[in-house]
């Protein structure tokens, strides 16, 4: 049985991590951090945008900022041929 996450990676999805800073509803001067991670497609990030839409419509803490990192886990191998000899004693 193949993992659904592996199938997503074969279809071009990469691992996306978002650091979300939001204001506490009772103390708006304080910021709280939430880390979100899922498979998503760059540069549009439909899964992340769906989560942020849900956040804004359903949760009380207003968003301050979102920082996104994205990496494709399956990609062509990068090989570099080097010539040389190394000796260890």
Protein backbone atom coordinates (compact mmCIF):
# COMPACT_ATOMS: atom_id res chain seq x y z
CA UNK A 1 0.00 0.00 0.00
CA UNK A 2 1.43 3.38 -1.03
CA UNK A 3 1.32 6.33 1.36
CA UNK A 4 -0.99 9.18 0.25
CA UNK A 5 1.80 11.65 1.15
CA UNK A 6 4.18 9.85 -1.22
CA UNK A 7 1.61 10.08 -4.03
CA UNK A 8 1.31 13.84 -3.36
CA UNK A 9 5.09 14.17 -3.68
CA UNK A 10 5.00 12.35 -7.01
CA UNK A 11 2.34 14.83 -8.17
CA UNK A 12 4.56 17.84 -7.45
CA UNK A 13 3.70 18.64 -3.85
CA UNK A 14 6.48 19.66 -1.49
CA UNK A 15 6.73 19.99 2.26
CA UNK A 16 5.55 23.45 3.32
CA UNK A 17 6.14 24.90 6.76
CA UNK A 18 4.51 28.14 7.87
CA UNK A 19 5.33 30.14 11.01
CA UNK A 20 2.19 32.03 11.87
CA UNK A 21 2.30 34.94 14.31
CA UNK A 22 -1.08 35.97 15.67
CA UNK A 23 -2.40 38.29 18.35
CA UNK A 24 -4.05 36.90 21.46
CA UNK A 25 -7.72 37.90 21.57
CA UNK A 26 -7.62 38.97 25.24
CA UNK A 27 -4.17 40.61 25.06
CA UNK A 28 -3.71 42.11 21.56
CA UNK A 29 -0.28 43.50 22.45
CA UNK A 30 1.07 39.92 22.79
CA UNK A 31 2.01 37.70 19.85
CA UNK A 32 1.75 33.91 19.85
CA UNK A 33 3.47 31.54 17.41
CA UNK A 34 1.82 28.64 15.62
CA UNK A 35 3.77 26.29 13.31
CA UNK A 36 1.79 24.67 10.47
CA UNK A 37 3.19 21.94 8.21
CA UNK A 38 1.62 20.05 5.30
CA UNK A 39 2.25 19.11 1.68
CA UNK A 40 1.44 21.94 -0.72
CA UNK A 41 2.24 23.25 -4.21
CA UNK A 42 4.41 26.36 -4.62
CA UNK A 43 4.02 29.22 -5.49
CA UNK A 44 0.21 29.34 -5.10
CA UNK A 45 0.01 27.30 -1.84
CA UNK A 46 -3.69 26.34 -2.10
CA UNK A 47 -3.63 24.16 1.04
CA UNK A 48 -2.01 26.89 3.15
CA UNK A 49 -4.38 29.55 1.79
CA UNK A 50 -7.32 27.31 2.66
CA UNK A 51 -6.02 26.92 6.21
CA UNK A 52 -5.48 30.67 6.57
CA UNK A 53 -9.01 31.34 5.27
CA UNK A 54 -10.36 28.92 7.87
CA UNK A 55 -8.28 30.67 10.54
CA UNK A 56 -9.62 34.11 9.68
CA UNK A 57 -13.25 32.98 9.50
CA UNK A 58 -13.34 30.61 12.50
CA UNK A 59 -10.67 31.59 15.05
CA UNK A 60 -10.52 34.69 17.21
CA UNK A 61 -6.79 35.46 17.12
CA UNK A 62 -6.13 37.93 14.27
CA UNK A 63 -3.12 37.13 12.07
CA UNK A 64 -0.03 39.30 12.39
CA UNK A 65 2.31 37.67 9.86
CA UNK A 66 3.03 34.40 8.07
CA UNK A 67 6.49 33.19 7.03
CA UNK A 68 6.60 30.27 4.58
CA UNK A 69 9.34 27.75 3.76
CA UNK A 70 8.89 25.16 1.01
CA UNK A 71 11.05 22.24 -0.14
CA UNK A 72 10.44 19.57 -2.74
CA UNK A 73 11.48 16.29 -1.20
CA UNK A 74 11.50 14.33 -4.45
CA UNK A 75 13.69 15.88 -7.11
CA UNK A 76 16.28 14.78 -9.63
CA UNK A 77 19.53 13.63 -8.12
CA UNK A 78 22.38 16.08 -8.29
CA UNK A 79 25.68 14.39 -9.02
CA UNK A 80 29.02 16.08 -9.27
CA UNK A 81 32.01 14.08 -10.46
CA UNK A 82 35.24 14.92 -8.72
CA UNK A 83 38.67 13.59 -9.45
CA UNK A 84 41.27 13.11 -6.81
CA UNK A 85 42.70 10.73 -4.29
CA UNK A 86 42.42 11.01 -0.54
CA UNK A 87 44.57 9.02 1.86
CA UNK A 88 43.82 8.52 5.51
CA UNK A 89 46.33 7.05 7.91
